Amino acid sequence: KANGMKAGVAMNPHTPIELLADLIEDI
């Protein structure tokens, strides 16, 4: 974000969605 881009997180098929709970507002 500091470099002027939208910030994305990619997740492999085996990775649980719940791991993003503490970050979702920043993504």
PDB file of all heavy atoms in Angstrom:
ATOM      1  N   LYS A   1       0.827  -1.212   0.000  1.00  0.00           N
ATOM      2  CA  LYS A   1       0.000   0.000   0.000  1.00  0.00           C
ATOM      3  C   LYS A   1       0.857   1.255   0.000  1.00  0.00           C
ATOM      4  O   LYS A   1       0.511   2.262  -0.649  1.00  0.00           O
ATOM      5  CB  LYS A   1      -0.947  -0.029   1.200  1.00  0.00           C
ATOM      6  CG  LYS A   1      -2.007  -1.112   1.082  1.00  0.00           C
ATOM      7  CD  LYS A   1      -3.006  -1.059   2.234  1.00  0.00           C
ATOM      8  CE  LYS A   1      -4.075  -2.128   2.072  1.00  0.00           C
ATOM      9  NZ  LYS A   1      -5.116  -2.046   3.115  1.00  0.00           N
ATOM     10  N   ALA A   2       1.976   1.216   0.691  1.00  0.00           N
ATOM     11  CA  ALA A   2       2.872   2.369   0.715  1.00  0.00           C
ATOM     12  C   ALA A   2       3.448   2.665  -0.660  1.00  0.00           C
ATOM     13  O   ALA A   2       3.843   3.809  -0.945  1.00  0.00           O
ATOM     14  CB  ALA A   2       4.004   2.135   1.714  1.00  0.00           C
ATOM     15  N   ASN A   3       3.475   1.650  -1.521  1.00  0.00           N
ATOM     16  CA  ASN A   3       3.962   1.821  -2.882  1.00  0.00           C
ATOM     17  C   ASN A   3       2.832   2.114  -3.872  1.00  0.00           C
ATOM     18  O   ASN A   3       3.022   2.028  -5.084  1.00  0.00           O
ATOM     19  CB  ASN A   3       4.747   0.587  -3.325  1.00  0.00           C
ATOM     20  CG  ASN A   3       6.186   0.600  -2.832  1.00  0.00           C
ATOM     21  OD1 ASN A   3       7.065   1.181  -3.478  1.00  0.00           O
ATOM     22  ND2 ASN A   3       6.428  -0.010  -1.685  1.00  0.00           N
ATOM     23  N   GLY A   4       1.662   2.460  -3.343  1.00  0.00           N
ATOM     24  CA  GLY A   4       0.568   2.941  -4.182  1.00  0.00           C
ATOM     25  C   GLY A   4      -0.284   1.886  -4.854  1.00  0.00           C
ATOM     26  O   GLY A   4      -1.050   2.198  -5.776  1.00  0.00           O
ATOM     27  N   MET A   5      -0.198   0.642  -4.393  1.00  0.00           N
ATOM     28  CA  MET A   5      -0.964  -0.447  -5.002  1.00  0.00           C
ATOM     29  C   MET A   5      -2.035  -0.952  -4.056  1.00  0.00           C
ATOM     30  O   MET A   5      -1.959  -0.754  -2.840  1.00  0.00           O
ATOM     31  CB  MET A   5      -0.030  -1.607  -5.367  1.00  0.00           C
ATOM     32  CG  MET A   5       1.041  -1.254  -6.391  1.00  0.00           C
ATOM     33  SD  MET A   5       2.230  -2.606  -6.649  1.00  0.00           S
ATOM     34  CE  MET A   5       3.190  -2.529  -5.121  1.00  0.00           C
ATOM     35  N   LYS A   6      -3.040  -1.630  -4.603  1.00  0.00           N
ATOM     36  CA  LYS A   6      -3.970  -2.393  -3.799  1.00  0.00           C
ATOM     37  C   LYS A   6      -3.259  -3.651  -3.321  1.00  0.00           C
ATOM     38  O   LYS A   6      -2.478  -4.255  -4.065  1.00  0.00           O
ATOM     39  CB  LYS A   6      -5.221  -2.767  -4.604  1.00  0.00           C
ATOM     40  CG  LYS A   6      -6.045  -1.585  -5.093  1.00  0.00           C
ATOM     41  CD  LYS A   6      -6.765  -0.891  -3.958  1.00  0.00           C
ATOM     42  CE  LYS A   6      -7.710   0.178  -4.479  1.00  0.00           C
ATOM     43  NZ  LYS A   6      -8.401   0.901  -3.375  1.00  0.00           N
ATOM     44  N   ALA A   7      -3.553  -4.052  -2.077  1.00  0.00           N
ATOM     45  CA  ALA A   7      -2.834  -5.176  -1.480  1.00  0.00           C
ATOM     46  C   ALA A   7      -3.677  -6.438  -1.499  1.00  0.00           C
ATOM     47  O   ALA A   7      -4.814  -6.451  -1.002  1.00  0.00           O
ATOM     48  CB  ALA A   7      -2.438  -4.839  -0.051  1.00  0.00           C
ATOM     49  N   GLY A   8      -3.121  -7.495  -2.073  1.00  0.00           N
ATOM     50  CA  GLY A   8      -3.825  -8.762  -2.151  1.00  0.00           C
ATOM     51  C   GLY A   8      -3.088  -9.874  -1.440  1.00  0.00           C
ATOM     52  O   GLY A   8      -1.861  -9.832  -1.286  1.00  0.00           O
ATOM     53  N   VAL A   9      -3.855 -10.875  -1.011  1.00  0.00           N
ATOM     54  CA  VAL A   9      -3.295 -12.093  -0.424  1.00  0.00           C
ATOM     55  C   VAL A   9      -3.831 -13.282  -1.210  1.00  0.00           C
ATOM     56  O   VAL A   9      -5.047 -13.429  -1.360  1.00  0.00           O
ATOM     57  CB  VAL A   9      -3.676 -12.249   1.064  1.00  0.00           C
ATOM     58  CG1 VAL A   9      -3.148 -13.582   1.611  1.00  0.00           C
ATOM     59  CG2 VAL A   9      -3.124 -11.096   1.886  1.00  0.00           C
ATOM     60  N   ALA A  10      -2.934 -14.099  -1.730  1.00  0.00           N
ATOM     61  CA  ALA A  10      -3.319 -15.321  -2.436  1.00  0.00           C
ATOM     62  C   ALA A  10      -3.158 -16.503  -1.482  1.00  0.00           C
ATOM     63  O   ALA A  10      -2.271 -16.513  -0.625  1.00  0.00           O
ATOM     64  CB  ALA A  10      -2.457 -15.525  -3.670  1.00  0.00           C
ATOM     65  N   MET A  11      -4.055 -17.489  -1.637  1.00  0.00           N
ATOM     66  CA  MET A  11      -4.034 -18.648  -0.751  1.00  0.00           C
ATOM     67  C   MET A  11      -4.135 -19.935  -1.555  1.00  0.00           C
ATOM     68  O   MET A  11      -4.996 -20.067  -2.434  1.00  0.00           O
ATOM     69  CB  MET A  11      -5.187 -18.574   0.257  1.00  0.00           C
ATOM     70  CG  MET A  11      -5.179 -17.318   1.107  1.00  0.00           C
ATOM     71  SD  MET A  11      -6.431 -17.344   2.410  1.00  0.00           S
ATOM     72  CE  MET A  11      -5.600 -18.329   3.664  1.00  0.00           C
ATOM     73  N   ASN A  12      -3.261 -20.891  -1.233  1.00  0.00           N
ATOM     74  CA  ASN A  12      -3.299 -22.198  -1.871  1.00  0.00           C
ATOM     75  C   ASN A  12      -4.563 -22.962  -1.472  1.00  0.00           C
ATOM     76  O   ASN A  12      -5.187 -22.656  -0.449  1.00  0.00           O
ATOM     77  CB  ASN A  12      -2.067 -23.010  -1.478  1.00  0.00           C
ATOM     78  CG  ASN A  12      -0.818 -22.542  -2.184  1.00  0.00           C
ATOM     79  OD1 ASN A  12      -0.887 -21.838  -3.194  1.00  0.00           O
ATOM     80  ND2 ASN A  12       0.336 -22.918  -1.658  1.00  0.00           N
ATOM     81  N   PRO A  13      -4.942 -23.973  -2.253  1.00  0.00           N
ATOM     82  CA  PRO A  13      -6.188 -24.696  -1.964  1.00  0.00           C
ATOM     83  C   PRO A  13      -6.247 -25.304  -0.564  1.00  0.00           C
ATOM     84  O   PRO A  13      -7.327 -25.424   0.011  1.00  0.00           O
ATOM     85  CB  PRO A  13      -6.203 -25.791  -3.040  1.00  0.00           C
ATOM     86  CG  PRO A  13      -5.440 -25.208  -4.179  1.00  0.00           C
ATOM     87  CD  PRO A  13      -4.352 -24.397  -3.538  1.00  0.00           C
ATOM     88  N   HIS A  14      -5.096 -25.681  -0.005  1.00  0.00           N
ATOM     89  CA  HIS A  14      -5.104 -26.358   1.301  1.00  0.00           C
ATOM     90  C   HIS A  14      -5.102 -25.392   2.484  1.00  0.00           C
ATOM     91  O   HIS A  14      -5.247 -25.830   3.627  1.00  0.00           O
ATOM     92  CB  HIS A  14      -3.864 -27.261   1.424  1.00  0.00           C
ATOM     93  CG  HIS A  14      -2.585 -26.489   1.569  1.00  0.00           C
ATOM     94  ND1 HIS A  14      -1.892 -26.006   0.477  1.00  0.00           N
ATOM     95  CD2 HIS A  14      -1.887 -26.101   2.664  1.00  0.00           C
ATOM     96  CE1 HIS A  14      -0.810 -25.366   0.900  1.00  0.00           C
ATOM     97  NE2 HIS A  14      -0.792 -25.392   2.220  1.00  0.00           N
ATOM     98  N   THR A  15      -4.962 -24.100   2.242  1.00  0.00           N
ATOM     99  CA  THR A  15      -4.804 -23.134   3.329  1.00  0.00           C
ATOM    100  C   THR A  15      -6.175 -22.670   3.849  1.00  0.00           C
ATOM    101  O   THR A  15      -6.991 -22.175   3.075  1.00  0.00           O
ATOM    102  CB  THR A  15      -3.992 -21.918   2.851  1.00  0.00           C
ATOM    103  OG1 THR A  15      -2.731 -22.368   2.336  1.00  0.00           O
ATOM    104  CG2 THR A  15      -3.738 -20.950   4.001  1.00  0.00           C
ATOM    105  N   PRO A  16      -6.419 -22.794   5.150  1.00  0.00           N
ATOM    106  CA  PRO A  16      -7.730 -22.415   5.697  1.00  0.00           C
ATOM    107  C   PRO A  16      -7.985 -20.912   5.628  1.00  0.00           C
ATOM    108  O   PRO A  16      -7.102 -20.104   5.944  1.00  0.00           O
ATOM    109  CB  PRO A  16      -7.646 -22.870   7.166  1.00  0.00           C
ATOM    110  CG  PRO A  16      -6.530 -23.867   7.217  1.00  0.00           C
ATOM    111  CD  PRO A  16      -5.549 -23.414   6.173  1.00  0.00           C
ATOM    112  N   ILE A  17      -9.173 -20.545   5.242  1.00  0.00           N
ATOM    113  CA  ILE A  17      -9.591 -19.146   5.163  1.00  0.00           C
ATOM    114  C   ILE A  17      -9.489 -18.452   6.523  1.00  0.00           C
ATOM    115  O   ILE A  17      -9.169 -17.270   6.613  1.00  0.00           O
ATOM    116  CB  ILE A  17     -11.046 -19.065   4.640  1.00  0.00           C
ATOM    117  CG1 ILE A  17     -11.098 -19.442   3.164  1.00  0.00           C
ATOM    118  CG2 ILE A  17     -11.643 -17.679   4.852  1.00  0.00           C
ATOM    119  CD1 ILE A  17     -10.271 -18.559   2.274  1.00  0.00           C
ATOM    120  N   GLU A  18      -9.740 -19.196   7.580  1.00  0.00           N
ATOM    121  CA  GLU A  18      -9.777 -18.620   8.923  1.00  0.00           C
ATOM    122  C   GLU A  18      -8.467 -17.942   9.312  1.00  0.00           C
ATOM    123  O   GLU A  18      -8.449 -17.084  10.209  1.00  0.00           O
ATOM    124  CB  GLU A  18     -10.130 -19.702   9.950  1.00  0.00           C
ATOM    125  CG  GLU A  18     -11.567 -20.218   9.860  1.00  0.00           C
ATOM    126  CD  GLU A  18     -11.805 -21.197   8.701  1.00  0.00           C
ATOM    127  OE1 GLU A  18     -10.817 -21.628   8.058  1.00  0.00           O
ATOM    128  OE2 GLU A  18     -12.991 -21.504   8.430  1.00  0.00           O
ATOM    129  N   LEU A  19      -7.386 -18.276   8.653  1.00  0.00           N
ATOM    130  CA  LEU A  19      -6.089 -17.678   8.961  1.00  0.00           C
ATOM    131  C   LEU A  19      -6.027 -16.193   8.611  1.00  0.00           C
ATOM    132  O   LEU A  19      -5.115 -15.489   9.034  1.00  0.00           O
ATOM    133  CB  LEU A  19      -4.977 -18.427   8.216  1.00  0.00           C
ATOM    134  CG  LEU A  19      -4.742 -19.873   8.682  1.00  0.00           C
ATOM    135  CD1 LEU A  19      -3.777 -20.583   7.750  1.00  0.00           C
ATOM    136  CD2 LEU A  19      -4.210 -19.900  10.113  1.00  0.00           C
ATOM    137  N   LEU A  20      -7.014 -15.705   7.859  1.00  0.00           N
ATOM    138  CA  LEU A  20      -7.045 -14.287   7.487  1.00  0.00           C
ATOM    139  C   LEU A  20      -7.865 -13.431   8.456  1.00  0.00           C
ATOM    140  O   LEU A  20      -7.971 -12.216   8.264  1.00  0.00           O
ATOM    141  CB  LEU A  20      -7.621 -14.121   6.080  1.00  0.00           C
ATOM    142  CG  LEU A  20      -6.831 -14.743   4.927  1.00  0.00           C
ATOM    143  CD1 LEU A  20      -7.541 -14.470   3.609  1.00  0.00           C
ATOM    144  CD2 LEU A  20      -5.401 -14.208   4.887  1.00  0.00           C
ATOM    145  N   ALA A  21      -8.426 -14.043   9.481  1.00  0.00           N
ATOM    146  CA  ALA A  21      -9.365 -13.336  10.354  1.00  0.00           C
ATOM    147  C   ALA A  21      -8.783 -12.061  10.955  1.00  0.00           C
ATOM    148  O   ALA A  21      -9.491 -11.057  11.098  1.00  0.00           O
ATOM    149  CB  ALA A  21      -9.848 -14.274  11.467  1.00  0.00           C
ATOM    150  N   ASP A  22      -7.521 -12.069  11.317  1.00  0.00           N
ATOM    151  CA  ASP A  22      -6.919 -10.898  11.962  1.00  0.00           C
ATOM    152  C   ASP A  22      -6.429  -9.845  10.977  1.00  0.00           C
ATOM    153  O   ASP A  22      -5.926  -8.791  11.394  1.00  0.00           O
ATOM    154  CB  ASP A  22      -5.749 -11.330  12.856  1.00  0.00           C
ATOM    155  CG  ASP A  22      -6.208 -12.102  14.080  1.00  0.00           C
ATOM    156  OD1 ASP A  22      -7.342 -11.848  14.541  1.00  0.00           O
ATOM    157  OD2 ASP A  22      -5.451 -12.975  14.549  1.00  0.00           O
ATOM    158  N   LEU A  23      -6.582 -10.118   9.682  1.00  0.00           N
ATOM    159  CA  LEU A  23      -6.036  -9.211   8.673  1.00  0.00           C
ATOM    160  C   LEU A  23      -7.064  -8.732   7.649  1.00  0.00           C
ATOM    161  O   LEU A  23      -6.748  -7.858   6.840  1.00  0.00           O
ATOM    162  CB  LEU A  23      -4.905  -9.914   7.901  1.00  0.00           C
ATOM    163  CG  LEU A  23      -3.548 -10.055   8.585  1.00  0.00           C
ATOM    164  CD1 LEU A  23      -2.641 -10.928   7.722  1.00  0.00           C
ATOM    165  CD2 LEU A  23      -2.915  -8.706   8.816  1.00  0.00           C
ATOM    166  N   ILE A  24      -8.252  -9.287   7.678  1.00  0.00           N
ATOM    167  CA  ILE A  24      -9.166  -9.101   6.547  1.00  0.00           C
ATOM    168  C   ILE A  24      -9.442  -7.632   6.241  1.00  0.00           C
ATOM    169  O   ILE A  24      -9.582  -7.246   5.074  1.00  0.00           O
ATOM    170  CB  ILE A  24     -10.485  -9.892   6.773  1.00  0.00           C
ATOM    171  CG1 ILE A  24     -11.248 -10.040   5.468  1.00  0.00           C
ATOM    172  CG2 ILE A  24     -11.332  -9.270   7.872  1.00  0.00           C
ATOM    173  CD1 ILE A  24     -10.545 -10.874   4.418  1.00  0.00           C
ATOM    174  N   GLU A  25      -9.492  -6.783   7.264  1.00  0.00           N
ATOM    175  CA  GLU A  25      -9.756  -5.358   7.019  1.00  0.00           C
ATOM    176  C   GLU A  25      -8.614  -4.668   6.282  1.00  0.00           C
ATOM    177  O   GLU A  25      -8.797  -3.592   5.701  1.00  0.00           O
ATOM    178  CB  GLU A  25     -10.031  -4.619   8.327  1.00  0.00           C
ATOM    179  CG  GLU A  25     -11.322  -5.017   9.024  1.00  0.00           C
ATOM    180  CD  GLU A  25     -11.107  -6.107  10.070  1.00  0.00           C
ATOM    181  OE1 GLU A  25     -10.067  -6.795  10.012  1.00  0.00           O
ATOM    182  OE2 GLU A  25     -11.978  -6.268  10.936  1.00  0.00           O
ATOM    183  N   ASP A  26      -7.425  -5.268   6.305  1.00  0.00           N
ATOM    184  CA  ASP A  26      -6.247  -4.679   5.662  1.00  0.00           C
ATOM    185  C   ASP A  26      -6.020  -5.202   4.252  1.00  0.00           C
ATOM    186  O   ASP A  26      -5.089  -4.768   3.562  1.00  0.00           O
ATOM    187  CB  ASP A  26      -4.994  -4.956   6.499  1.00  0.00           C
ATOM    188  CG  ASP A  26      -5.078  -4.365   7.891  1.00  0.00           C
ATOM    189  OD1 ASP A  26      -5.339  -3.152   7.993  1.00  0.00           O
ATOM    190  OD2 ASP A  26      -4.908  -5.111   8.875  1.00  0.00           O
ATOM    191  N   ILE A  27      -6.863  -6.147   3.817  1.00  0.00           N
ATOM    192  CA  ILE A  27      -6.665  -6.802   2.522  1.00  0.00           C
ATOM    193  C   ILE A  27      -7.673  -6.267   1.512  1.00  0.00           C
ATOM    194  O   ILE A  27      -8.872  -6.248   1.772  1.00  0.00           O
ATOM    195  CB  ILE A  27      -6.820  -8.331   2.651  1.00  0.00           C
ATOM    196  CG1 ILE A  27      -5.838  -8.883   3.690  1.00  0.00           C
ATOM    197  CG2 ILE A  27      -6.602  -9.010   1.305  1.00  0.00           C
ATOM    198  CD1 ILE A  27      -6.094 -10.343   4.039  1.00  0.00           C
TER     199      ILE A  27
END
